[in-house]
C-alpha atoms as a PDB file:
ATOM      1  CA  MET A   1       9.176  15.778  17.541  1.00  0.00           C
ATOM      2  CA  PRO A   2      12.284  13.620  18.181  1.00  0.00           C
ATOM      3  CA  GLU A   3      15.539  15.558  18.088  1.00  0.00           C
ATOM      4  CA  ASP A   4      17.153  14.047  14.973  1.00  0.00           C
ATOM      5  CA  PHE A   5      13.978  14.482  12.957  1.00  0.00           C
ATOM      6  CA  LYS A   6      13.357  17.943  14.367  1.00  0.00           C
ATOM      7  CA  LYS A   7      16.773  19.077  13.157  1.00  0.00           C
ATOM      8  CA  LEU A   8      16.110  17.711   9.687  1.00  0.00           C
ATOM      9  CA  ASN A   9      12.690  19.365   9.585  1.00  0.00           C
ATOM     10  CA  GLU A  10      14.258  22.707  10.448  1.00  0.00           C
ATOM     11  CA  LYS A  11      16.443  22.334   7.346  1.00  0.00           C
ATOM     12  CA  ARG A  12      13.482  21.720   5.034  1.00  0.00           C
ATOM     13  CA  THR A  13      12.747  24.452   2.547  1.00  0.00           C
ATOM     14  CA  GLY A  14       9.681  25.737   0.726  1.00  0.00           C
ATOM     15  CA  LYS A  15       6.598  23.531   0.623  1.00  0.00           C
ATOM     16  CA  TYR A  16       8.475  20.677   2.299  1.00  0.00           C
ATOM     17  CA  HIS A  17       8.944  22.650   5.502  1.00  0.00           C
ATOM     18  CA  LYS A  18       6.607  21.807   8.388  1.00  0.00           C
ATOM     19  CA  PRO A  19       5.642  24.973  10.303  1.00  0.00           C
ATOM     20  CA  ALA A  20       6.555  24.739  13.986  1.00  0.00           C
ATOM     21  CA  GLU A  21       3.231  26.275  15.020  1.00  0.00           C
ATOM     22  CA  GLU A  22       1.281  23.622  13.146  1.00  0.00           C
ATOM     23  CA  GLU A  23       3.402  20.808  14.547  1.00  0.00           C
ATOM     24  CA  SER A  24       2.952  22.168  18.078  1.00  0.00           C
ATOM     25  CA  PHE A  25      -0.824  22.459  17.649  1.00  0.00           C
ATOM     26  CA  LEU A  26      -1.162  18.885  16.388  1.00  0.00           C
ATOM     27  CA  GLU A  27       1.084  17.551  19.131  1.00  0.00           C
ATOM     28  CA  GLY A  28      -1.020  19.303  21.766  1.00  0.00           C
ATOM     29  CA  LEU A  29      -4.227  18.001  20.209  1.00  0.00           C
ATOM     30  CA  ASN A  30      -2.889  14.454  20.263  1.00  0.00           C
ATOM     31  CA  ASN A  31      -1.725  14.762  23.854  1.00  0.00           C
ATOM     32  CA  THR A  32      -5.195  15.949  24.871  1.00  0.00           C
ATOM     33  CA  LEU A  33      -7.031  13.135  23.102  1.00  0.00           C
ATOM     34  CA  GLU A  34      -4.688  10.247  23.865  1.00  0.00           C
ATOM     35  CA  GLU A  35      -6.012   9.331  27.315  1.00  0.00           C
ATOM     36  CA  LYS A  36      -9.627   9.717  26.206  1.00  0.00           C
ATOM     37  CA  GLU A  37      -8.941   7.401  23.290  1.00  0.00           C
ATOM     38  CA  LYS A  38      -7.387   4.709  25.469  1.00  0.00           C
ATOM     39  CA  LYS A  39     -10.543   4.576  27.589  1.00  0.00           C
ATOM     40  CA  GLU A  40     -12.580   3.777  24.479  1.00  0.00           C
ATOM     41  CA  TYR A  41     -10.479   0.782  23.457  1.00  0.00           C
ATOM     42  CA  ILE A  42     -11.906  -2.687  23.826  1.00  0.00           C
ATOM     43  CA  ASN A  43      -9.958  -5.880  24.335  1.00  0.00           C
ATOM     44  CA  THR A  44      -9.998  -7.502  20.925  1.00  0.00           C
ATOM     45  CA  ASP A  45      -7.837  -9.739  18.818  1.00  0.00           C
ATOM     46  CA  ILE A  46      -6.664  -8.665  15.386  1.00  0.00           C
ATOM     47  CA  ASN A  47      -9.224 -10.431  13.229  1.00  0.00           C
ATOM     48  CA  HIS A  48      -8.340  -8.785   9.921  1.00  0.00           C
ATOM     49  CA  PRO A  49      -5.007  -8.973   8.085  1.00  0.00           C
ATOM     50  CA  LEU A  50      -2.477  -6.162   8.286  1.00  0.00           C
ATOM     51  CA  ILE A  51      -0.695  -5.608   4.975  1.00  0.00           C
ATOM     52  CA  PHE A  52       2.620  -3.775   5.297  1.00  0.00           C
ATOM     53  CA  VAL A  53       4.573  -2.226   2.418  1.00  0.00           C
ATOM     54  CA  ILE A  54       8.334  -1.654   2.550  1.00  0.00           C
ATOM     55  CA  GLY A  55      11.080  -0.698   0.121  1.00  0.00           C
ATOM     56  CA  LEU A  56      13.897   1.731  -0.549  1.00  0.00           C
ATOM     57  CA  PRO A  57      13.035   5.429  -0.413  1.00  0.00           C
ATOM     58  CA  ARG A  58      11.781   6.420  -3.894  1.00  0.00           C
ATOM     59  CA  SER A  59      11.232   2.808  -4.983  1.00  0.00           C
ATOM     60  CA  GLY A  60       7.448   2.969  -5.438  1.00  0.00           C
ATOM     61  CA  THR A  61       6.148   2.200  -1.946  1.00  0.00           C
ATOM     62  CA  THR A  62       3.570   4.989  -2.144  1.00  0.00           C
ATOM     63  CA  LEU A  63       2.273   3.739  -5.487  1.00  0.00           C
ATOM     64  CA  VAL A  64       1.911   0.236  -4.025  1.00  0.00           C
ATOM     65  CA  THR A  65      -0.185   1.516  -1.125  1.00  0.00           C
ATOM     66  CA  GLN A  66      -2.280   3.700  -3.438  1.00  0.00           C
ATOM     67  CA  THR A  67      -2.905   0.727  -5.720  1.00  0.00           C
ATOM     68  CA  LEU A  68      -3.978  -1.483  -2.825  1.00  0.00           C
ATOM     69  CA  ALA A  69      -6.134   1.195  -1.204  1.00  0.00           C
ATOM     70  CA  HIS A  70      -7.863   2.039  -4.478  1.00  0.00           C
ATOM     71  CA  GLY A  71      -8.274  -1.420  -5.923  1.00  0.00           C
ATOM     72  CA  LEU A  72      -9.113  -3.527  -2.867  1.00  0.00           C
ATOM     73  CA  ASP A  73     -11.865  -3.273  -0.273  1.00  0.00           C
ATOM     74  CA  VAL A  74      -9.472  -2.488   2.562  1.00  0.00           C
ATOM     75  CA  SER A  75      -9.025   0.291   5.071  1.00  0.00           C
ATOM     76  CA  TYR A  76      -6.141   2.734   5.351  1.00  0.00           C
ATOM     77  CA  ILE A  77      -5.126   5.932   7.107  1.00  0.00           C
ATOM     78  CA  ASN A  78      -5.984   9.042   5.102  1.00  0.00           C
ATOM     79  CA  ASN A  79      -4.796  12.621   5.476  1.00  0.00           C
ATOM     80  CA  ILE A  80      -7.448  13.383   8.091  1.00  0.00           C
ATOM     81  CA  ALA A  81      -6.872  10.377  10.331  1.00  0.00           C
ATOM     82  CA  ALA A  82      -3.080  10.766  10.077  1.00  0.00           C
ATOM     83  CA  ARG A  83      -3.224  13.976  12.125  1.00  0.00           C
ATOM     84  CA  PHE A  84      -4.329  11.861  15.094  1.00  0.00           C
ATOM     85  CA  TRP A  85      -1.314   9.601  15.504  1.00  0.00           C
ATOM     86  CA  SER A  86      -1.875   9.282  19.266  1.00  0.00           C
ATOM     87  CA  ALA A  87      -5.649   8.940  18.904  1.00  0.00           C
ATOM     88  CA  PRO A  88      -6.149   7.158  15.577  1.00  0.00           C
ATOM     89  CA  LEU A  89      -9.645   5.925  16.379  1.00  0.00           C
ATOM     90  CA  HIS A  90     -10.704   9.556  16.788  1.00  0.00           C
ATOM     91  CA  GLY A  91      -9.060  10.239  13.440  1.00  0.00           C
ATOM     92  CA  LEU A  92     -11.000   7.495  11.687  1.00  0.00           C
ATOM     93  CA  LYS A  93     -14.277   8.636  13.232  1.00  0.00           C
ATOM     94  CA  LEU A  94     -13.672  12.256  12.252  1.00  0.00           C
ATOM     95  CA  SER A  95     -12.759  11.166   8.738  1.00  0.00           C
ATOM     96  CA  ASP A  96     -15.957   9.134   8.459  1.00  0.00           C
ATOM     97  CA  SER A  97     -18.021  12.115   9.613  1.00  0.00           C
ATOM     98  CA  LEU A  98     -16.476  14.413   6.990  1.00  0.00           C
ATOM     99  CA  LEU A  99     -16.256  12.107   3.982  1.00  0.00           C
ATOM    100  CA  ASP A 100     -18.913  10.038   2.264  1.00  0.00           C
ATOM    101  CA  GLY A 101     -16.647   7.076   1.604  1.00  0.00           C
ATOM    102  CA  LYS A 102     -17.073   7.256  -2.158  1.00  0.00           C
ATOM    103  CA  ASP A 103     -13.921   9.232  -2.868  1.00  0.00           C
ATOM    104  CA  SER A 104     -11.078   6.774  -3.503  1.00  0.00           C
ATOM    105  CA  PRO A 105      -7.381   7.691  -3.203  1.00  0.00           C
ATOM    106  CA  ARG A 106      -5.650   9.046  -6.299  1.00  0.00           C
ATOM    107  CA  PHE A 107      -2.381   7.955  -7.859  1.00  0.00           C
ATOM    108  CA  GLN A 108      -0.583  11.240  -7.260  1.00  0.00           C
ATOM    109  CA  SER A 109       2.037  12.100  -4.659  1.00  0.00           C
ATOM    110  CA  ASP A 110       4.946  14.421  -4.047  1.00  0.00           C
ATOM    111  CA  TYR A 111       7.735  12.477  -2.343  1.00  0.00           C
ATOM    112  CA  ALA A 112       5.161  10.279  -0.542  1.00  0.00           C
ATOM    113  CA  THR A 113       3.010  13.269   0.425  1.00  0.00           C
ATOM    114  CA  THR A 114      -0.557  13.185  -0.856  1.00  0.00           C
ATOM    115  CA  HIS A 115      -2.958  16.110  -0.741  1.00  0.00           C
ATOM    116  CA  LYS A 116      -6.629  15.169  -0.987  1.00  0.00           C
ATOM    117  CA  LEU A 117      -8.321  14.511   2.345  1.00  0.00           C
ATOM    118  CA  ASN A 118      -9.039  10.880   1.493  1.00  0.00           C
ATOM    119  CA  ASP A 119      -5.657  10.121  -0.060  1.00  0.00           C
ATOM    120  CA  ILE A 120      -3.544   7.542   1.739  1.00  0.00           C
ATOM    121  CA  HIS A 121      -0.957   8.736   4.283  1.00  0.00           C
ATOM    122  CA  GLU A 122       2.115   6.822   5.425  1.00  0.00           C
ATOM    123  CA  PHE A 123       1.295   7.531   9.118  1.00  0.00           C
ATOM    124  CA  GLY A 124       4.944   7.913  10.040  1.00  0.00           C
ATOM    125  CA  TYR A 125       4.339   9.693  13.346  1.00  0.00           C
ATOM    126  CA  PHE A 126       2.232   6.764  14.570  1.00  0.00           C
ATOM    127  CA  TRP A 127       4.852   4.161  13.755  1.00  0.00           C
ATOM    128  CA  ARG A 128       7.658   6.337  15.048  1.00  0.00           C
ATOM    129  CA  LYS A 129       5.793   6.759  18.342  1.00  0.00           C
ATOM    130  CA  TRP A 130       4.898   3.114  18.890  1.00  0.00           C
ATOM    131  CA  LEU A 131       8.158   1.629  17.621  1.00  0.00           C
ATOM    132  CA  LYS A 132      10.191   4.238  19.505  1.00  0.00           C
ATOM    133  CA  LYS A 133      12.134   5.522  16.541  1.00  0.00           C
ATOM    134  CA  ASP A 134      13.109   8.724  18.321  1.00  0.00           C
ATOM    135  CA  SER A 135      16.484   9.094  16.642  1.00  0.00           C
ATOM    136  CA  PHE A 136      18.788   7.588  14.062  1.00  0.00           C
ATOM    137  CA  GLU A 137      20.329   5.596  16.917  1.00  0.00           C
ATOM    138  CA  HIS A 138      17.031   3.769  17.416  1.00  0.00           C
ATOM    139  CA  MET A 139      17.113   2.598  13.798  1.00  0.00           C
ATOM    140  CA  ILE A 140      20.816   1.777  13.696  1.00  0.00           C
ATOM    141  CA  ASN A 141      20.537  -0.430  16.795  1.00  0.00           C
ATOM    142  CA  ALA A 142      16.841  -1.277  16.614  1.00  0.00           C
ATOM    143  CA  GLN A 143      17.172  -4.703  18.237  1.00  0.00           C
ATOM    144  CA  ASP A 144      18.796  -3.204  21.330  1.00  0.00           C
ATOM    145  CA  TYR A 145      15.663  -1.155  21.991  1.00  0.00           C
ATOM    146  CA  GLU A 146      13.045  -3.739  21.030  1.00  0.00           C
ATOM    147  CA  SER A 147      12.338  -4.695  24.651  1.00  0.00           C
ATOM    148  CA  GLU A 148      11.326  -1.080  25.398  1.00  0.00           C
ATOM    149  CA  ILE A 149       8.435  -1.153  22.909  1.00  0.00           C
ATOM    150  CA  ASP A 150       4.908  -1.618  24.259  1.00  0.00           C
ATOM    151  CA  TRP A 151       3.960  -4.469  21.940  1.00  0.00           C
ATOM    152  CA  ASN A 152       0.694  -5.267  23.695  1.00  0.00           C
ATOM    153  CA  GLY A 153      -0.298  -1.607  23.515  1.00  0.00           C
ATOM    154  CA  LEU A 154       0.408  -1.513  19.785  1.00  0.00           C
ATOM    155  CA  LYS A 155      -1.584  -4.712  19.284  1.00  0.00           C
ATOM    156  CA  LYS A 156      -4.550  -3.219  21.148  1.00  0.00           C
ATOM    157  CA  VAL A 157      -4.528  -0.052  19.030  1.00  0.00           C
ATOM    158  CA  LEU A 158      -4.341  -1.947  15.743  1.00  0.00           C
ATOM    159  CA  GLY A 159      -6.962  -4.411  16.935  1.00  0.00           C
ATOM    160  CA  ASN A 160      -9.339  -1.551  17.660  1.00  0.00           C
ATOM    161  CA  LEU A 161      -8.684   0.086  14.291  1.00  0.00           C
ATOM    162  CA  THR A 162      -9.341  -3.112  12.350  1.00  0.00           C
ATOM    163  CA  SER A 163     -12.379  -3.889  14.500  1.00  0.00           C
ATOM    164  CA  PHE A 164     -13.831  -0.413  13.955  1.00  0.00           C
ATOM    165  CA  ARG A 165     -13.454  -0.628  10.184  1.00  0.00           C
ATOM    166  CA  ASN A 166     -14.100  -4.395  10.029  1.00  0.00           C
ATOM    167  CA  LYS A 167     -11.593  -4.685   7.189  1.00  0.00           C
ATOM    168  CA  ALA A 168      -8.011  -5.537   6.424  1.00  0.00           C
ATOM    169  CA  PHE A 169      -5.648  -2.562   6.788  1.00  0.00           C
ATOM    170  CA  ILE A 170      -2.893  -1.258   4.503  1.00  0.00           C
ATOM    171  CA  PHE A 171       0.156   0.517   5.941  1.00  0.00           C
ATOM    172  CA  LYS A 172       3.457   1.671   4.574  1.00  0.00           C
ATOM    173  CA  ASN A 173       5.689   0.633   7.465  1.00  0.00           C
ATOM    174  CA  ILE A 174       9.316   1.579   6.955  1.00  0.00           C
ATOM    175  CA  PHE A 175       9.982   1.767  10.704  1.00  0.00           C
ATOM    176  CA  GLY A 176       8.350  -1.632  11.144  1.00  0.00           C
ATOM    177  CA  ALA A 177      10.898  -3.196   8.809  1.00  0.00           C
ATOM    178  CA  PHE A 178      13.352  -3.059  11.725  1.00  0.00           C
ATOM    179  CA  HIS A 179      11.057  -5.342  13.758  1.00  0.00           C
ATOM    180  CA  ILE A 180       9.468  -7.716  11.252  1.00  0.00           C
ATOM    181  CA  SER A 181       9.877 -10.904  13.264  1.00  0.00           C
ATOM    182  CA  LYS A 182       8.445  -9.368  16.431  1.00  0.00           C
ATOM    183  CA  LEU A 183       5.543  -7.716  14.606  1.00  0.00           C
ATOM    184  CA  ASN A 184       4.631 -11.038  13.010  1.00  0.00           C
ATOM    185  CA  GLN A 185       4.752 -12.721  16.395  1.00  0.00           C
ATOM    186  CA  VAL A 186       2.619 -10.071  18.121  1.00  0.00           C
ATOM    187  CA  LEU A 187       0.144  -9.192  15.384  1.00  0.00           C
ATOM    188  CA  GLY A 188      -0.364 -12.593  13.788  1.00  0.00           C
ATOM    189  CA  LYS A 189      -2.180 -11.898  10.529  1.00  0.00           C
ATOM    190  CA  THR A 190       0.450 -10.004   8.573  1.00  0.00           C
ATOM    191  CA  LEU A 191       1.626  -9.838   4.974  1.00  0.00           C
ATOM    192  CA  TRP A 192       4.711  -7.890   3.910  1.00  0.00           C
ATOM    193  CA  ILE A 193       5.068  -6.515   0.389  1.00  0.00           C
ATOM    194  CA  TYR A 194       8.523  -5.435  -0.761  1.00  0.00           C
ATOM    195  CA  ILE A 195       8.944  -3.378  -3.929  1.00  0.00           C
ATOM    196  CA  GLU A 196      12.187  -2.886  -5.840  1.00  0.00           C
ATOM    197  CA  ARG A 197      12.929  -0.364  -8.556  1.00  0.00           C
ATOM    198  CA  ASP A 198      16.000   0.076 -10.749  1.00  0.00           C
ATOM    199  CA  ILE A 199      18.509   1.217  -8.157  1.00  0.00           C
ATOM    200  CA  LEU A 200      20.083   3.850 -10.420  1.00  0.00           C
ATOM    201  CA  ASP A 201      16.679   5.511 -10.878  1.00  0.00           C
ATOM    202  CA  VAL A 202      16.241   5.295  -7.107  1.00  0.00           C
ATOM    203  CA  ALA A 203      19.636   6.901  -6.522  1.00  0.00           C
ATOM    204  CA  VAL A 204      18.954   9.850  -8.836  1.00  0.00           C
ATOM    205  CA  SER A 205      15.549  10.345  -7.237  1.00  0.00           C
ATOM    206  CA  ASN A 206      17.097  10.386  -3.756  1.00  0.00           C
ATOM    207  CA  LEU A 207      19.617  12.987  -4.894  1.00  0.00           C
ATOM    208  CA  ASN A 208      16.764  15.108  -6.254  1.00  0.00           C
ATOM    209  CA  ALA A 209      14.896  14.727  -2.965  1.00  0.00           C
ATOM    210  CA  ARG A 210      17.836  16.105  -1.002  1.00  0.00           C
ATOM    211  CA  LYS A 211      17.986  19.121  -3.286  1.00  0.00           C
ATOM    212  CA  LYS A 212      14.242  19.780  -3.111  1.00  0.00           C
ATOM    213  CA  PHE A 213      13.805  19.213   0.629  1.00  0.00           C
ATOM    214  CA  TYR A 214      16.943  20.928   1.870  1.00  0.00           C
ATOM    215  CA  ASN A 215      18.406  22.777  -1.112  1.00  0.00           C
ATOM    216  CA  ASP A 216      21.524  20.848  -0.120  1.00  0.00           C
ATOM    217  CA  PRO A 217      22.548  17.487  -1.625  1.00  0.00           C
ATOM    218  CA  ASN A 218      24.800  16.823   1.368  1.00  0.00           C
ATOM    219  CA  THR A 219      21.957  16.596   3.916  1.00  0.00           C
ATOM    220  CA  TRP A 220      20.737  13.087   4.699  1.00  0.00           C
ATOM    221  CA  TRP A 221      17.238  12.265   3.468  1.00  0.00           C
ATOM    222  CA  SER A 222      14.934   9.420   4.554  1.00  0.00           C
ATOM    223  CA  THR A 223      15.668   6.077   6.203  1.00  0.00           C
ATOM    224  CA  VAL A 224      19.008   5.105   7.705  1.00  0.00           C
ATOM    225  CA  PRO A 225      20.463   1.583   7.494  1.00  0.00           C
ATOM    226  CA  PRO A 226      22.297  -0.006  10.440  1.00  0.00           C
ATOM    227  CA  GLU A 227      25.563   0.952   8.686  1.00  0.00           C
ATOM    228  CA  TYR A 228      24.766   4.683   8.921  1.00  0.00           C
ATOM    229  CA  PRO A 229      27.777   5.469  11.194  1.00  0.00           C
ATOM    230  CA  LYS A 230      30.240   4.589   8.434  1.00  0.00           C
ATOM    231  CA  LEU A 231      28.248   6.495   5.814  1.00  0.00           C
ATOM    232  CA  LYS A 232      27.481   9.767   7.586  1.00  0.00           C
ATOM    233  CA  SER A 233      30.809  11.456   6.758  1.00  0.00           C
ATOM    234  CA  LEU A 234      31.003  10.366   3.113  1.00  0.00           C
ATOM    235  CA  ASP A 235      30.537  12.667   0.148  1.00  0.00           C
ATOM    236  CA  THR A 236      27.094  12.869  -1.433  1.00  0.00           C
ATOM    237  CA  PHE A 237      27.354  10.225  -4.173  1.00  0.00           C
ATOM    238  CA  PRO A 238      28.999   7.446  -2.148  1.00  0.00           C
ATOM    239  CA  GLN A 239      26.741   8.283   0.800  1.00  0.00           C
ATOM    240  CA  ILE A 240      23.531   7.856  -1.205  1.00  0.00           C
ATOM    241  CA  ALA A 241      24.939   4.736  -2.862  1.00  0.00           C
ATOM    242  CA  GLY A 242      25.830   3.298   0.539  1.00  0.00           C
ATOM    243  CA  GLN A 243      22.442   4.179   1.999  1.00  0.00           C
ATOM    244  CA  LEU A 244      20.639   2.347  -0.799  1.00  0.00           C
ATOM    245  CA  HIS A 245      23.067  -0.573  -0.894  1.00  0.00           C
ATOM    246  CA  TYR A 246      22.796  -1.352   2.807  1.00  0.00           C
ATOM    247  CA  LEU A 247      19.050  -0.799   2.979  1.00  0.00           C
ATOM    248  CA  LYS A 248      18.573  -3.130   0.016  1.00  0.00           C
ATOM    249  CA  LYS A 249      20.792  -5.724   1.678  1.00  0.00           C
ATOM    250  CA  PHE A 250      18.804  -5.395   4.905  1.00  0.00           C
ATOM    251  CA  TYR A 251      15.404  -5.610   3.201  1.00  0.00           C
ATOM    252  CA  ARG A 252      16.386  -8.598   1.078  1.00  0.00           C
ATOM    253  CA  SER A 253      17.669 -10.501   4.099  1.00  0.00           C
ATOM    254  CA  GLU A 254      14.400  -9.856   5.921  1.00  0.00           C
ATOM    255  CA  MET A 255      12.306 -10.680   2.856  1.00  0.00           C
ATOM    256  CA  ASN A 256      14.020 -14.015   2.273  1.00  0.00           C
ATOM    257  CA  ASN A 257      12.855 -15.092   5.722  1.00  0.00           C
ATOM    258  CA  LEU A 258       9.332 -13.817   5.033  1.00  0.00           C
ATOM    259  CA  ILE A 259       9.131 -15.451   1.608  1.00  0.00           C
ATOM    260  CA  ALA A 260      10.163 -18.764   3.169  1.00  0.00           C
ATOM    261  CA  GLU A 261       7.282 -18.395   5.654  1.00  0.00           C
ATOM    262  CA  GLY A 262       4.834 -17.387   2.934  1.00  0.00           C
ATOM    263  CA  LYS A 263       4.342 -13.967   4.550  1.00  0.00           C
ATOM    264  CA  GLY A 264       6.366 -11.989   2.023  1.00  0.00           C
ATOM    265  CA  LEU A 265       5.629 -10.838  -1.526  1.00  0.00           C
ATOM    266  CA  HIS A 266       8.121  -9.201  -3.878  1.00  0.00           C
ATOM    267  CA  ILE A 267       7.215  -7.028  -6.835  1.00  0.00           C
ATOM    268  CA  THR A 268       9.217  -4.707  -9.049  1.00  0.00           C
ATOM    269  CA  TYR A 269       8.208  -1.168  -9.899  1.00  0.00           C
ATOM    270  CA  ASP A 270       8.094  -2.044 -13.600  1.00  0.00           C
ATOM    271  CA  GLU A 271       5.846  -5.053 -12.956  1.00  0.00           C
ATOM    272  CA  LEU A 272       3.464  -2.943 -10.897  1.00  0.00           C
ATOM    273  CA  CYS A 273       3.293  -0.234 -13.552  1.00  0.00           C
ATOM    274  CA  LYS A 274       2.764  -2.735 -16.356  1.00  0.00           C
ATOM    275  CA  ASN A 275      -0.130  -4.631 -14.765  1.00  0.00           C
ATOM    276  CA  PRO A 276      -1.446  -3.340 -11.423  1.00  0.00           C
ATOM    277  CA  SER A 277      -4.555  -5.547 -11.548  1.00  0.00           C
ATOM    278  CA  SER A 278      -2.404  -8.665 -11.733  1.00  0.00           C
ATOM    279  CA  PHE A 279      -0.604  -7.511  -8.589  1.00  0.00           C
ATOM    280  CA  LEU A 280      -3.921  -7.179  -6.739  1.00  0.00           C
ATOM    281  CA  LYS A 281      -4.819 -10.752  -7.649  1.00  0.00           C
ATOM    282  CA  VAL A 282      -1.534 -12.005  -6.201  1.00  0.00           C
ATOM    283  CA  VAL A 283      -2.228 -10.147  -2.937  1.00  0.00           C
ATOM    284  CA  GLN A 284      -5.808 -11.438  -2.749  1.00  0.00           C
ATOM    285  CA  ASP A 285      -4.685 -15.015  -3.321  1.00  0.00           C
ATOM    286  CA  ARG A 286      -1.873 -14.857  -0.778  1.00  0.00           C
ATOM    287  CA  VAL A 287      -4.093 -13.417   1.974  1.00  0.00           C
ATOM    288  CA  GLU A 288      -6.708 -16.091   1.305  1.00  0.00           C
ATOM    289  CA  ASP A 289      -4.080 -18.859   1.332  1.00  0.00           C
ATOM    290  CA  LEU A 290      -2.543 -17.618   4.577  1.00  0.00           C
ATOM    291  CA  TYR A 291      -5.619 -16.698   6.587  1.00  0.00           C
ATOM    292  CA  ASP A 292      -8.654 -18.053   4.724  1.00  0.00           C
ATOM    293  CA  TYR A 293      -9.668 -14.404   4.388  1.00  0.00           C
ATOM    294  CA  LYS A 294     -11.201 -12.980   1.237  1.00  0.00           C
ATOM    295  CA  ILE A 295     -10.560  -9.377   0.174  1.00  0.00           C
ATOM    296  CA  SER A 296     -12.875  -8.233  -2.583  1.00  0.00           C
ATOM    297  CA  LEU A 297     -12.051  -5.789  -5.349  1.00  0.00           C
ATOM    298  CA  ASN A 298     -13.145  -2.186  -4.962  1.00  0.00           C
ATOM    299  CA  HIS A 299     -12.527   0.529  -7.553  1.00  0.00           C
ATOM    300  CA  GLU A 300     -11.281  -0.297 -11.032  1.00  0.00           C
ATOM    301  CA  LEU A 301      -7.584   0.332 -11.611  1.00  0.00           C
ATOM    302  CA  PRO A 302      -5.930   1.906 -14.644  1.00  0.00           C
ATOM    303  CA  ALA A 303      -4.721  -0.736 -17.094  1.00  0.00           C
ATOM    304  CA  SER A 304      -1.170   0.447 -16.424  1.00  0.00           C
ATOM    305  CA  PHE A 305       0.873   3.289 -14.961  1.00  0.00           C
ATOM    306  CA  SER A 306       3.507   5.300 -16.779  1.00  0.00           C
ATOM    307  CA  PRO A 307       6.816   4.481 -15.039  1.00  0.00           C
ATOM    308  CA  ASN A 308       8.971   7.384 -13.955  1.00  0.00           C
ATOM    309  CA  LYS A 309      12.460   6.947 -15.411  1.00  0.00           C
ATOM    310  CA  HIS A 310      15.551   9.151 -15.183  1.00  0.00           C
ATOM    311  CA  ASP A 311      16.785   8.398 -18.688  1.00  0.00           C
ATOM    312  CA  ASP A 312      18.244  11.885 -19.147  1.00  0.00           C
ATOM    313  CA  ASP A 313      20.523  11.567 -16.117  1.00  0.00           C
ATOM    314  CA  LYS A 314      23.090   9.228 -17.632  1.00  0.00           C
ATOM    315  CA  ASP A 315      26.092  10.978 -16.079  1.00  0.00           C
ATOM    316  CA  LEU A 316      24.548  10.869 -12.609  1.00  0.00           C
ATOM    317  CA  LYS A 317      23.688   7.211 -13.049  1.00  0.00           C
ATOM    318  CA  LYS A 318      27.224   6.422 -14.157  1.00  0.00           C
ATOM    319  CA  GLU A 319      28.618   8.064 -11.020  1.00  0.00           C
ATOM    320  CA  PHE A 320      26.199   6.200  -8.763  1.00  0.00           C
ATOM    321  CA  GLU A 321      26.891   2.911 -10.544  1.00  0.00           C
ATOM    322  CA  LYS A 322      30.596   3.245  -9.797  1.00  0.00           C
ATOM    323  CA  HIS A 323      29.973   3.555  -6.057  1.00  0.00           C
ATOM    324  CA  LEU A 324      27.233   0.923  -5.931  1.00  0.00           C
ATOM    325  CA  THR A 325      29.524  -1.557  -7.680  1.00  0.00           C
ATOM    326  CA  GLU A 326      32.223  -0.914  -5.096  1.00  0.00           C
ATOM    327  CA  PHE A 327      29.837  -1.420  -2.174  1.00  0.00           C
ATOM    328  CA  HIS A 328      28.515  -4.645  -3.694  1.00  0.00           C
ATOM    329  CA  LYS A 329      32.026  -5.969  -4.296  1.00  0.00           C
ATOM    330  CA  ASN A 330      32.954  -5.460  -0.643  1.00  0.00           C
ATOM    331  CA  ASP A 331      29.614  -6.508   0.875  1.00  0.00           C
ATOM    332  CA  PRO A 332      27.388  -8.411  -1.585  1.00  0.00           C
ATOM    333  CA  ILE A 333      23.603  -8.160  -1.507  1.00  0.00           C
ATOM    334  CA  PRO A 334      21.843 -11.545  -1.289  1.00  0.00           C
ATOM    335  CA  GLU A 335      19.579 -12.742  -4.069  1.00  0.00           C
ATOM    336  CA  LEU A 336      15.876 -12.937  -3.320  1.00  0.00           C
ATOM    337  CA  SER A 337      14.492 -16.423  -2.786  1.00  0.00           C
END
């Protein structure tokens, strides 16, 4: 495991801690299977769309992927296949041999972690490996390292996964957000979905995550924006506010380019919760317009989801609002197109 992430994992407490023995076993298993897997790959184009989901940590990205994976006839990485980040084709084949395909993903998660075997997984180790996100430095200065990424190798892997399943694929791809233009160029058939949630609810949820994961609100949690160096020494509240402010600024700048190209969709958490089926229709229509590719409906969705609000945390929200307002005054976030 990369050094920065290894240090953070060592600080995790309780059920959020990843046992070193388990991590070592899975790493060894992947190392053993990786070369065998490569020999099984065929040369193939990516003939099915890749749908990527991005957003602030705790903004609803997991719910978006669950909604897509449940409601549309698409493929995704589940909790079995995710253990094979260096041999994902093996993971899909093992998953198919263990599951009957009738069990759809649920709408439950614990800070993006799902628990049933067929629940969707964010596949972070895979994207970290291929996009070389070995440290915070590689996210802060992502463009400086872009030439070191094996783009053709990544294309071959994803081409084989989509060919094996013969379906469009859904991925949460937070690391990929640092390389959107290049991924579009290399992979071709892409669609990016960006979700936003009330930023004060997001801020409180990020504070809670720090407490639950590390029992320490001062320890950094989740994605870093390019401005991380000027945030890392701040106190907890301005640090979280700055993290969310700069990530939102970054995502919106990227999304405005994607929306102009037709390859970006924006939805709010409240909109998704109010009418998830309507969201699916928008995705279906956009994929068909872009690539003349039809994605059929799969399992029926709930009529709505109950949104998770932090209405009882008014004092926390007031403190976060003060810092967010200051960041926005000094470095405004662009409006979405």
